[in-house]
Amino acid sequence: MLEDKDIKFQLEIFEKLLQIRRHIDQLLTLELTETNLSMREWELLMYVNQLQKTNISKLARLSRIQKTLVSKNIWQLIKLELVQSQVNQKDRRQLNISMTVEGQKQTRTIERQVSRNLKNPQLAAELMGLSKQVMELSRKLN
């Protein structure tokens, strides 16, 4: 059984990881405000972009989001003409999801802006500091 100090230590690591996630989310959401995309829609758009051709089940598995939520968000992306769907010829119950030209353009634009944000010395220093703290805590854990 874990001792109180071990639990406290693991919670400390978890908190540092959450801080890193919040910083990254802030970097992304700054750029997403102009696109009217939610964080979840952006995440799914990035998966579709990386996979080039996928389906709802695969997206749900990769993103660890329920299929119903993935479907809802994908339909929103279809309405925005960022992704497109086609019936799978081998299994007509499934839809193949792929990027549209507009979706590719928007993805590249946001990726470039996020990349510029990451080059911001202050944000980079904050993320680096948090990362070093996590590494230090991980060393203590072992």
N, C-alpha and C. Protein backbone atom coordinates (compact mmCIF):
# COMPACT_ATOMS: atom_id res chain seq x y z
N MET A 1 0.83 -1.18 0.00
CA MET A 1 0.00 0.00 0.00
C MET A 1 0.88 1.25 0.00
N LEU A 2 0.45 2.24 -0.71
CA LEU A 2 1.22 3.47 -0.80
C LEU A 2 1.15 4.27 0.50
N GLU A 3 2.29 4.85 0.86
CA GLU A 3 2.33 5.71 2.04
C GLU A 3 1.85 7.10 1.66
N ASP A 4 1.52 7.88 2.67
CA ASP A 4 1.02 9.23 2.44
C ASP A 4 2.01 10.07 1.63
N LYS A 5 3.31 9.95 1.93
CA LYS A 5 4.30 10.74 1.21
C LYS A 5 4.38 10.32 -0.25
N ASP A 6 4.19 9.02 -0.54
CA ASP A 6 4.19 8.56 -1.93
C ASP A 6 2.98 9.11 -2.69
N ILE A 7 1.85 9.11 -2.03
CA ILE A 7 0.63 9.65 -2.65
C ILE A 7 0.79 11.14 -2.90
N LYS A 8 1.32 11.84 -1.91
CA LYS A 8 1.53 13.29 -2.06
C LYS A 8 2.49 13.57 -3.20
N PHE A 9 3.53 12.78 -3.32
CA PHE A 9 4.52 12.94 -4.37
C PHE A 9 3.89 12.70 -5.75
N GLN A 10 3.10 11.66 -5.89
CA GLN A 10 2.44 11.37 -7.16
C GLN A 10 1.45 12.47 -7.53
N LEU A 11 0.76 13.00 -6.54
CA LEU A 11 -0.15 14.11 -6.80
C LEU A 11 0.60 15.35 -7.26
N GLU A 12 1.79 15.56 -6.72
CA GLU A 12 2.61 16.69 -7.11
C GLU A 12 3.03 16.57 -8.58
N ILE A 13 3.42 15.37 -9.00
CA ILE A 13 3.77 15.13 -10.41
C ILE A 13 2.55 15.37 -11.29
N PHE A 14 1.43 14.84 -10.86
CA PHE A 14 0.20 15.00 -11.63
C PHE A 14 -0.16 16.47 -11.80
N GLU A 15 -0.01 17.25 -10.74
CA GLU A 15 -0.30 18.69 -10.80
C GLU A 15 0.62 19.40 -11.79
N LYS A 16 1.90 19.03 -11.82
CA LYS A 16 2.85 19.65 -12.76
C LYS A 16 2.46 19.30 -14.20
N LEU A 17 2.06 18.06 -14.42
CA LEU A 17 1.63 17.66 -15.76
C LEU A 17 0.38 18.43 -16.18
N LEU A 18 -0.53 18.64 -15.25
CA LEU A 18 -1.73 19.43 -15.54
C LEU A 18 -1.37 20.87 -15.89
N GLN A 19 -0.38 21.42 -15.18
CA GLN A 19 0.05 22.79 -15.49
C GLN A 19 0.61 22.88 -16.90
N ILE A 20 1.39 21.88 -17.30
CA ILE A 20 1.92 21.85 -18.66
C ILE A 20 0.78 21.78 -19.66
N ARG A 21 -0.18 20.90 -19.39
CA ARG A 21 -1.33 20.75 -20.29
C ARG A 21 -2.10 22.08 -20.41
N ARG A 22 -2.28 22.77 -19.28
CA ARG A 22 -3.00 24.05 -19.32
C ARG A 22 -2.25 25.08 -20.17
N HIS A 23 -0.92 25.10 -20.05
CA HIS A 23 -0.13 26.04 -20.86
C HIS A 23 -0.29 25.72 -22.35
N ILE A 24 -0.23 24.47 -22.68
CA ILE A 24 -0.38 24.06 -24.08
C ILE A 24 -1.78 24.39 -24.57
N ASP A 25 -2.78 24.11 -23.75
CA ASP A 25 -4.16 24.45 -24.12
C ASP A 25 -4.32 25.95 -24.34
N GLN A 26 -3.66 26.76 -23.51
CA GLN A 26 -3.73 28.21 -23.67
C GLN A 26 -3.13 28.64 -25.01
N LEU A 27 -2.01 28.01 -25.36
CA LEU A 27 -1.38 28.33 -26.64
C LEU A 27 -2.32 28.02 -27.80
N LEU A 28 -3.01 26.91 -27.70
CA LEU A 28 -3.92 26.51 -28.78
C LEU A 28 -5.18 27.36 -28.80
N THR A 29 -5.77 27.57 -27.64
CA THR A 29 -7.05 28.28 -27.63
C THR A 29 -6.91 29.74 -28.05
N LEU A 30 -5.73 30.31 -27.88
CA LEU A 30 -5.50 31.67 -28.39
C LEU A 30 -5.78 31.71 -29.89
N GLU A 31 -5.35 30.71 -30.59
CA GLU A 31 -5.52 30.67 -32.04
C GLU A 31 -6.90 30.16 -32.45
N LEU A 32 -7.51 29.35 -31.62
CA LEU A 32 -8.81 28.78 -31.97
C LEU A 32 -9.94 29.78 -31.86
N THR A 33 -9.76 30.85 -31.11
CA THR A 33 -10.84 31.82 -30.95
C THR A 33 -11.26 32.41 -32.28
N GLU A 34 -10.32 32.55 -33.19
CA GLU A 34 -10.64 33.12 -34.50
C GLU A 34 -11.31 32.10 -35.42
N THR A 35 -11.20 30.82 -35.12
CA THR A 35 -11.72 29.79 -36.01
C THR A 35 -13.12 29.31 -35.61
N ASN A 36 -13.56 29.63 -34.42
CA ASN A 36 -14.83 29.13 -33.87
C ASN A 36 -14.83 27.62 -33.69
N LEU A 37 -13.66 27.03 -33.54
CA LEU A 37 -13.56 25.59 -33.26
C LEU A 37 -13.36 25.38 -31.77
N SER A 38 -13.98 24.33 -31.27
CA SER A 38 -13.72 23.95 -29.88
C SER A 38 -12.40 23.19 -29.83
N MET A 39 -11.87 23.02 -28.64
CA MET A 39 -10.63 22.28 -28.46
C MET A 39 -10.80 20.84 -28.97
N ARG A 40 -11.95 20.25 -28.68
CA ARG A 40 -12.20 18.87 -29.12
C ARG A 40 -12.28 18.79 -30.64
N GLU A 41 -12.94 19.76 -31.26
CA GLU A 41 -13.01 19.76 -32.73
C GLU A 41 -11.63 19.92 -33.34
N TRP A 42 -10.83 20.78 -32.74
CA TRP A 42 -9.46 20.98 -33.22
C TRP A 42 -8.67 19.68 -33.09
N GLU A 43 -8.79 19.02 -31.95
CA GLU A 43 -8.07 17.76 -31.73
C GLU A 43 -8.47 16.72 -32.79
N LEU A 44 -9.76 16.59 -33.03
CA LEU A 44 -10.23 15.62 -34.03
C LEU A 44 -9.77 16.01 -35.44
N LEU A 45 -9.78 17.29 -35.73
CA LEU A 45 -9.30 17.77 -37.03
C LEU A 45 -7.83 17.40 -37.22
N MET A 46 -7.04 17.54 -36.17
CA MET A 46 -5.62 17.19 -36.24
C MET A 46 -5.43 15.69 -36.47
N TYR A 47 -6.25 14.86 -35.80
CA TYR A 47 -6.17 13.41 -36.03
C TYR A 47 -6.51 13.07 -37.48
N VAL A 48 -7.58 13.67 -37.99
CA VAL A 48 -7.97 13.41 -39.38
C VAL A 48 -6.86 13.85 -40.32
N ASN A 49 -6.27 14.99 -40.04
CA ASN A 49 -5.18 15.50 -40.86
C ASN A 49 -3.99 14.53 -40.86
N GLN A 50 -3.65 14.00 -39.71
CA GLN A 50 -2.51 13.09 -39.61
C GLN A 50 -2.80 11.74 -40.27
N LEU A 51 -4.02 11.24 -40.08
CA LEU A 51 -4.38 9.92 -40.61
C LEU A 51 -4.76 9.96 -42.08
N GLN A 52 -5.15 11.10 -42.58
CA GLN A 52 -5.59 11.34 -43.95
C GLN A 52 -6.94 10.71 -44.26
N LYS A 53 -7.16 9.48 -43.84
CA LYS A 53 -8.45 8.81 -44.06
C LYS A 53 -8.71 7.94 -42.84
N THR A 54 -9.84 8.15 -42.20
CA THR A 54 -10.13 7.43 -40.97
C THR A 54 -11.63 7.25 -40.82
N ASN A 55 -12.06 6.76 -39.65
CA ASN A 55 -13.49 6.61 -39.38
C ASN A 55 -13.77 7.01 -37.93
N ILE A 56 -15.03 7.07 -37.59
CA ILE A 56 -15.44 7.51 -36.25
C ILE A 56 -14.87 6.61 -35.17
N SER A 57 -14.91 5.29 -35.38
CA SER A 57 -14.41 4.35 -34.37
C SER A 57 -12.94 4.57 -34.07
N LYS A 58 -12.16 4.74 -35.11
CA LYS A 58 -10.72 4.94 -34.93
C LYS A 58 -10.45 6.27 -34.23
N LEU A 59 -11.19 7.30 -34.61
CA LEU A 59 -11.02 8.60 -33.95
C LEU A 59 -11.39 8.52 -32.47
N ALA A 60 -12.46 7.79 -32.17
CA ALA A 60 -12.87 7.64 -30.76
C ALA A 60 -11.79 6.92 -29.97
N ARG A 61 -11.23 5.89 -30.55
CA ARG A 61 -10.19 5.11 -29.87
C ARG A 61 -8.95 5.97 -29.63
N LEU A 62 -8.49 6.68 -30.66
CA LEU A 62 -7.28 7.50 -30.54
C LEU A 62 -7.45 8.67 -29.58
N SER A 63 -8.60 9.32 -29.66
CA SER A 63 -8.82 10.52 -28.85
C SER A 63 -9.36 10.21 -27.46
N ARG A 64 -9.76 8.96 -27.26
CA ARG A 64 -10.36 8.53 -25.98
C ARG A 64 -11.61 9.35 -25.66
N ILE A 65 -12.37 9.61 -26.70
CA ILE A 65 -13.64 10.32 -26.58
C ILE A 65 -14.73 9.36 -27.03
N GLN A 66 -15.89 9.42 -26.39
CA GLN A 66 -17.00 8.54 -26.76
C GLN A 66 -17.38 8.74 -28.22
N LYS A 67 -17.79 7.64 -28.86
CA LYS A 67 -18.15 7.69 -30.27
C LYS A 67 -19.23 8.72 -30.57
N THR A 68 -20.22 8.82 -29.68
CA THR A 68 -21.31 9.78 -29.93
C THR A 68 -20.78 11.21 -29.96
N LEU A 69 -19.84 11.53 -29.07
CA LEU A 69 -19.25 12.87 -29.06
C LEU A 69 -18.37 13.10 -30.29
N VAL A 70 -17.65 12.06 -30.68
CA VAL A 70 -16.82 12.18 -31.88
C VAL A 70 -17.72 12.44 -33.09
N SER A 71 -18.81 11.68 -33.19
CA SER A 71 -19.74 11.86 -34.32
C SER A 71 -20.30 13.28 -34.35
N LYS A 72 -20.72 13.76 -33.19
CA LYS A 72 -21.27 15.11 -33.11
C LYS A 72 -20.25 16.16 -33.57
N ASN A 73 -19.03 16.02 -33.11
CA ASN A 73 -17.98 16.98 -33.47
C ASN A 73 -17.58 16.85 -34.94
N ILE A 74 -17.54 15.64 -35.44
CA ILE A 74 -17.19 15.45 -36.86
C ILE A 74 -18.27 16.05 -37.75
N TRP A 75 -19.54 15.89 -37.37
CA TRP A 75 -20.61 16.50 -38.17
C TRP A 75 -20.49 18.02 -38.17
N GLN A 76 -20.06 18.59 -37.07
CA GLN A 76 -19.84 20.04 -37.03
C GLN A 76 -18.70 20.42 -37.99
N LEU A 77 -17.64 19.62 -38.01
CA LEU A 77 -16.53 19.89 -38.92
C LEU A 77 -16.94 19.72 -40.39
N ILE A 78 -17.86 18.79 -40.63
CA ILE A 78 -18.39 18.61 -41.98
C ILE A 78 -19.20 19.85 -42.39
N LYS A 79 -20.04 20.35 -41.46
CA LYS A 79 -20.83 21.56 -41.74
C LYS A 79 -19.92 22.75 -42.06
N LEU A 80 -18.79 22.82 -41.37
CA LEU A 80 -17.83 23.90 -41.59
C LEU A 80 -16.97 23.66 -42.84
N GLU A 81 -17.19 22.51 -43.49
CA GLU A 81 -16.46 22.11 -44.70
C GLU A 81 -14.96 21.96 -44.46
N LEU A 82 -14.61 21.50 -43.26
CA LEU A 82 -13.20 21.25 -42.94
C LEU A 82 -12.84 19.78 -43.16
N VAL A 83 -13.83 18.90 -43.01
CA VAL A 83 -13.66 17.47 -43.31
C VAL A 83 -14.83 17.04 -44.19
N GLN A 84 -14.65 15.88 -44.80
CA GLN A 84 -15.72 15.32 -45.62
C GLN A 84 -15.90 13.86 -45.26
N SER A 85 -17.07 13.33 -45.55
CA SER A 85 -17.34 11.92 -45.27
C SER A 85 -17.76 11.23 -46.55
N GLN A 86 -17.38 9.97 -46.63
CA GLN A 86 -17.76 9.12 -47.75
C GLN A 86 -18.10 7.75 -47.20
N VAL A 87 -19.10 7.12 -47.80
CA VAL A 87 -19.48 5.77 -47.38
C VAL A 87 -18.35 4.81 -47.73
N ASN A 88 -17.98 3.97 -46.76
CA ASN A 88 -16.95 2.96 -46.97
C ASN A 88 -17.50 1.91 -47.93
N GLN A 89 -16.81 1.66 -49.02
CA GLN A 89 -17.30 0.73 -50.03
C GLN A 89 -17.29 -0.73 -49.56
N LYS A 90 -16.42 -1.06 -48.62
CA LYS A 90 -16.36 -2.43 -48.11
C LYS A 90 -17.39 -2.69 -47.02
N ASP A 91 -17.68 -1.67 -46.23
CA ASP A 91 -18.67 -1.78 -45.15
C ASP A 91 -19.51 -0.51 -45.16
N ARG A 92 -20.67 -0.59 -45.78
CA ARG A 92 -21.49 0.60 -46.00
C ARG A 92 -22.04 1.20 -44.71
N ARG A 93 -21.85 0.52 -43.58
CA ARG A 93 -22.27 1.08 -42.29
C ARG A 93 -21.29 2.12 -41.79
N GLN A 94 -20.09 2.09 -42.33
CA GLN A 94 -19.05 3.01 -41.87
C GLN A 94 -18.86 4.17 -42.84
N LEU A 95 -18.46 5.31 -42.26
CA LEU A 95 -18.11 6.47 -43.06
C LEU A 95 -16.60 6.69 -42.99
N ASN A 96 -16.00 6.96 -44.13
CA ASN A 96 -14.60 7.36 -44.15
C ASN A 96 -14.57 8.88 -44.01
N ILE A 97 -13.71 9.35 -43.14
CA ILE A 97 -13.57 10.78 -42.88
C ILE A 97 -12.21 11.22 -43.41
N SER A 98 -12.19 12.32 -44.16
CA SER A 98 -10.93 12.86 -44.66
C SER A 98 -11.00 14.38 -44.68
N MET A 99 -9.85 15.00 -44.85
CA MET A 99 -9.76 16.46 -44.85
C MET A 99 -10.25 17.02 -46.18
N THR A 100 -10.79 18.23 -46.12
CA THR A 100 -11.07 19.00 -47.34
C THR A 100 -9.88 19.92 -47.57
N VAL A 101 -9.84 20.55 -48.72
CA VAL A 101 -8.77 21.51 -49.00
C VAL A 101 -8.82 22.65 -47.99
N GLU A 102 -10.03 23.11 -47.68
CA GLU A 102 -10.19 24.20 -46.70
C GLU A 102 -9.70 23.76 -45.32
N GLY A 103 -10.00 22.53 -44.94
CA GLY A 103 -9.53 22.00 -43.66
C GLY A 103 -8.02 21.95 -43.59
N GLN A 104 -7.39 21.55 -44.69
CA GLN A 104 -5.93 21.51 -44.74
C GLN A 104 -5.34 22.90 -44.62
N LYS A 105 -5.95 23.87 -45.30
CA LYS A 105 -5.46 25.26 -45.22
C LYS A 105 -5.56 25.78 -43.79
N GLN A 106 -6.72 25.58 -43.17
CA GLN A 106 -6.92 26.10 -41.82
C GLN A 106 -5.98 25.42 -40.83
N THR A 107 -5.77 24.13 -41.00
CA THR A 107 -4.86 23.39 -40.12
C THR A 107 -3.44 23.95 -40.23
N ARG A 108 -2.98 24.16 -41.44
CA ARG A 108 -1.62 24.71 -41.63
C ARG A 108 -1.49 26.10 -41.03
N THR A 109 -2.51 26.93 -41.22
CA THR A 109 -2.48 28.29 -40.67
C THR A 109 -2.35 28.26 -39.15
N ILE A 110 -3.18 27.46 -38.50
CA ILE A 110 -3.15 27.41 -37.03
C ILE A 110 -1.85 26.77 -36.54
N GLU A 111 -1.38 25.74 -37.23
CA GLU A 111 -0.11 25.11 -36.83
C GLU A 111 1.04 26.12 -36.88
N ARG A 112 1.06 26.94 -37.92
CA ARG A 112 2.13 27.95 -38.03
C ARG A 112 2.04 28.95 -36.87
N GLN A 113 0.84 29.38 -36.54
CA GLN A 113 0.68 30.35 -35.46
C GLN A 113 1.07 29.74 -34.11
N VAL A 114 0.65 28.51 -33.88
CA VAL A 114 1.02 27.84 -32.62
C VAL A 114 2.53 27.68 -32.55
N SER A 115 3.14 27.34 -33.67
CA SER A 115 4.60 27.22 -33.72
C SER A 115 5.26 28.55 -33.37
N ARG A 116 4.72 29.66 -33.90
CA ARG A 116 5.26 30.98 -33.55
C ARG A 116 5.09 31.25 -32.06
N ASN A 117 3.94 30.87 -31.51
CA ASN A 117 3.70 31.06 -30.08
C ASN A 117 4.72 30.29 -29.25
N LEU A 118 5.05 29.08 -29.69
CA LEU A 118 6.00 28.27 -28.94
C LEU A 118 7.40 28.89 -28.96
N LYS A 119 7.66 29.72 -29.95
CA LYS A 119 8.95 30.40 -30.03
C LYS A 119 8.99 31.64 -29.14
N ASN A 120 7.85 31.98 -28.55
CA ASN A 120 7.78 33.10 -27.62
C ASN A 120 8.65 32.74 -26.42
N PRO A 121 9.69 33.53 -26.16
CA PRO A 121 10.65 33.18 -25.10
C PRO A 121 10.00 32.99 -23.72
N GLN A 122 9.04 33.83 -23.38
CA GLN A 122 8.42 33.72 -22.06
C GLN A 122 7.63 32.41 -21.93
N LEU A 123 6.80 32.10 -22.94
CA LEU A 123 6.02 30.86 -22.88
C LEU A 123 6.93 29.64 -22.92
N ALA A 124 7.95 29.69 -23.76
CA ALA A 124 8.88 28.57 -23.86
C ALA A 124 9.59 28.35 -22.53
N ALA A 125 9.98 29.44 -21.87
CA ALA A 125 10.67 29.33 -20.58
C ALA A 125 9.75 28.73 -19.52
N GLU A 126 8.49 29.15 -19.51
CA GLU A 126 7.53 28.61 -18.55
C GLU A 126 7.34 27.11 -18.76
N LEU A 127 7.16 26.70 -20.02
CA LEU A 127 6.99 25.27 -20.32
C LEU A 127 8.25 24.49 -19.97
N MET A 128 9.40 25.04 -20.29
CA MET A 128 10.66 24.37 -19.98
C MET A 128 10.83 24.21 -18.47
N GLY A 129 10.50 25.25 -17.73
CA GLY A 129 10.60 25.17 -16.27
C GLY A 129 9.69 24.10 -15.70
N LEU A 130 8.47 24.04 -16.18
CA LEU A 130 7.55 23.00 -15.71
C LEU A 130 8.03 21.61 -16.11
N SER A 131 8.56 21.49 -17.31
CA SER A 131 9.08 20.20 -17.77
C SER A 131 10.24 19.73 -16.90
N LYS A 132 11.14 20.65 -16.54
CA LYS A 132 12.27 20.30 -15.67
C LYS A 132 11.77 19.85 -14.29
N GLN A 133 10.74 20.52 -13.79
CA GLN A 133 10.18 20.13 -12.50
C GLN A 133 9.61 18.72 -12.56
N VAL A 134 8.93 18.39 -13.65
CA VAL A 134 8.37 17.05 -13.82
C VAL A 134 9.50 16.03 -13.89
N MET A 135 10.56 16.34 -14.64
CA MET A 135 11.70 15.42 -14.74
C MET A 135 12.34 15.19 -13.37
N GLU A 136 12.50 16.25 -12.61
CA GLU A 136 13.09 16.14 -11.28
C GLU A 136 12.21 15.28 -10.37
N LEU A 137 10.93 15.51 -10.42
CA LEU A 137 10.01 14.71 -9.60
C LEU A 137 10.02 13.25 -10.05
N SER A 138 10.14 13.02 -11.35
CA SER A 138 10.18 11.64 -11.86
C SER A 138 11.43 10.92 -11.36
N ARG A 139 12.56 11.64 -11.33
CA ARG A 139 13.81 11.04 -10.83
C ARG A 139 13.66 10.64 -9.36
N LYS A 140 13.01 11.50 -8.59
CA LYS A 140 12.79 11.20 -7.17
C LYS A 140 11.87 9.99 -7.00
N LEU A 141 10.96 9.83 -7.94
CA LEU A 141 10.00 8.72 -7.88
C LEU A 141 10.71 7.38 -8.05
N ASN A 142 11.72 7.38 -8.93
CA ASN A 142 12.46 6.14 -9.18
C ASN A 142 13.46 5.94 -8.09
